Amino acid sequence: MLRASFFAGGLFVIMLGLSTMLVDKVVLHKKDDPKRDPNFRGFFTSVNEYKQHVFDPPDWAGFSLLSVGGITILYSLALPRAGHH
């Protein structure tokens, strides 16, 4: 179970890294929420002139995620199988 969890997590991080390498920027469109503080940006790097949140990942982010995901998958393959001693 632990082995499969690490493998699935590593696979997810690899797919996230590939998608980060393929996109240049992501623009999120959301209707204005009156309860939300307009100055709070959270994870997003900027807000454009239309007040849309823009996520612009750095070039190194995709490679880093691919590396971490690959190492996690290799670690999951190195773990002993359940029931084998």
Protein backbone atom coordinates (compact mmCIF):
# COMPACT_ATOMS: atom_id res chain seq x y z
CA MET A 1 0.00 0.00 0.00
CA LEU A 2 2.80 2.41 0.88
CA ARG A 3 4.63 1.48 -2.31
CA ALA A 4 1.57 2.18 -4.46
CA SER A 5 0.98 5.50 -2.71
CA PHE A 6 4.51 6.69 -3.42
CA PHE A 7 4.25 5.51 -7.02
CA ALA A 8 0.92 7.32 -7.55
CA GLY A 9 2.24 10.47 -5.90
CA GLY A 10 5.36 10.43 -8.06
CA LEU A 11 3.29 9.87 -11.19
CA PHE A 12 1.06 12.80 -10.28
CA VAL A 13 4.06 15.09 -9.74
CA ILE A 14 5.54 14.01 -13.10
CA MET A 15 2.26 14.79 -14.88
CA LEU A 16 2.11 18.15 -13.09
CA GLY A 17 5.67 18.89 -14.21
CA LEU A 18 4.86 17.98 -17.82
CA SER A 19 1.82 20.22 -17.83
CA THR A 20 3.87 23.03 -16.29
CA MET A 21 6.41 22.67 -19.10
CA LEU A 22 3.72 22.78 -21.78
CA VAL A 23 1.85 25.91 -20.67
CA ASP A 24 3.24 29.41 -20.80
CA LYS A 25 0.75 30.98 -18.42
CA VAL A 26 -2.66 30.19 -16.97
CA VAL A 27 -5.32 32.89 -16.69
CA LEU A 28 -8.16 32.12 -14.29
CA HIS A 29 -11.50 33.79 -14.76
CA LYS A 30 -13.74 34.05 -11.72
CA LYS A 31 -16.61 36.33 -10.94
CA ASP A 32 -15.95 38.88 -8.22
CA ASP A 33 -16.68 37.61 -4.72
CA PRO A 34 -17.73 40.46 -2.39
CA LYS A 35 -16.37 38.59 0.68
CA ARG A 36 -12.89 38.20 -0.83
CA ASP A 37 -10.12 40.69 -0.14
CA PRO A 38 -9.04 42.08 -3.56
CA ASN A 39 -5.43 42.55 -2.41
CA PHE A 40 -4.98 38.90 -1.43
CA ARG A 41 -3.20 37.00 -4.21
CA GLY A 42 -2.36 33.72 -2.53
CA PHE A 43 -0.43 31.38 -4.81
CA PHE A 44 -0.92 33.49 -7.93
CA THR A 45 1.93 35.59 -9.19
CA SER A 46 -0.01 38.55 -10.56
CA VAL A 47 -3.35 40.08 -11.46
CA ASN A 48 -3.86 41.47 -14.97
CA GLU A 49 -5.75 44.61 -16.03
CA TYR A 50 -9.03 42.66 -16.15
CA LYS A 51 -8.56 41.62 -12.49
CA GLN A 52 -8.00 37.99 -13.47
CA HIS A 53 -5.47 35.89 -11.59
CA VAL A 54 -2.50 34.89 -13.72
CA PHE A 55 -0.29 31.91 -12.83
CA ASP A 56 3.01 32.22 -14.70
CA PRO A 57 5.30 29.36 -13.61
CA PRO A 58 9.06 29.89 -13.89
CA ASP A 59 10.97 27.88 -16.49
CA TRP A 60 12.70 25.73 -13.89
CA ALA A 61 9.46 24.58 -12.21
CA GLY A 62 8.63 21.89 -14.78
CA PHE A 63 12.11 20.36 -14.64
CA SER A 64 12.11 20.40 -10.86
CA LEU A 65 8.73 18.67 -10.66
CA LEU A 66 9.85 16.05 -13.20
CA SER A 67 12.98 15.37 -11.14
CA VAL A 68 11.12 15.08 -7.84
CA GLY A 69 8.47 12.83 -9.39
CA GLY A 70 11.09 10.59 -10.99
CA ILE A 71 13.01 10.21 -7.75
CA THR A 72 9.77 9.43 -5.89
CA ILE A 73 8.89 6.71 -8.40
CA LEU A 74 12.39 5.23 -8.14
CA TYR A 75 12.05 5.26 -4.36
CA SER A 76 8.70 3.47 -4.60
CA LEU A 77 10.28 0.77 -6.77
CA ALA A 78 13.10 0.33 -4.24
CA LEU A 79 10.68 -0.28 -1.35
CA PRO A 80 10.17 -3.94 -0.47
CA ARG A 81 6.97 -5.51 -1.71
CA ALA A 82 4.26 -6.26 0.81
CA GLY A 83 4.51 -9.82 2.12
CA HIS A 84 8.08 -10.38 0.88
CA HIS A 85 10.89 -10.44 3.41
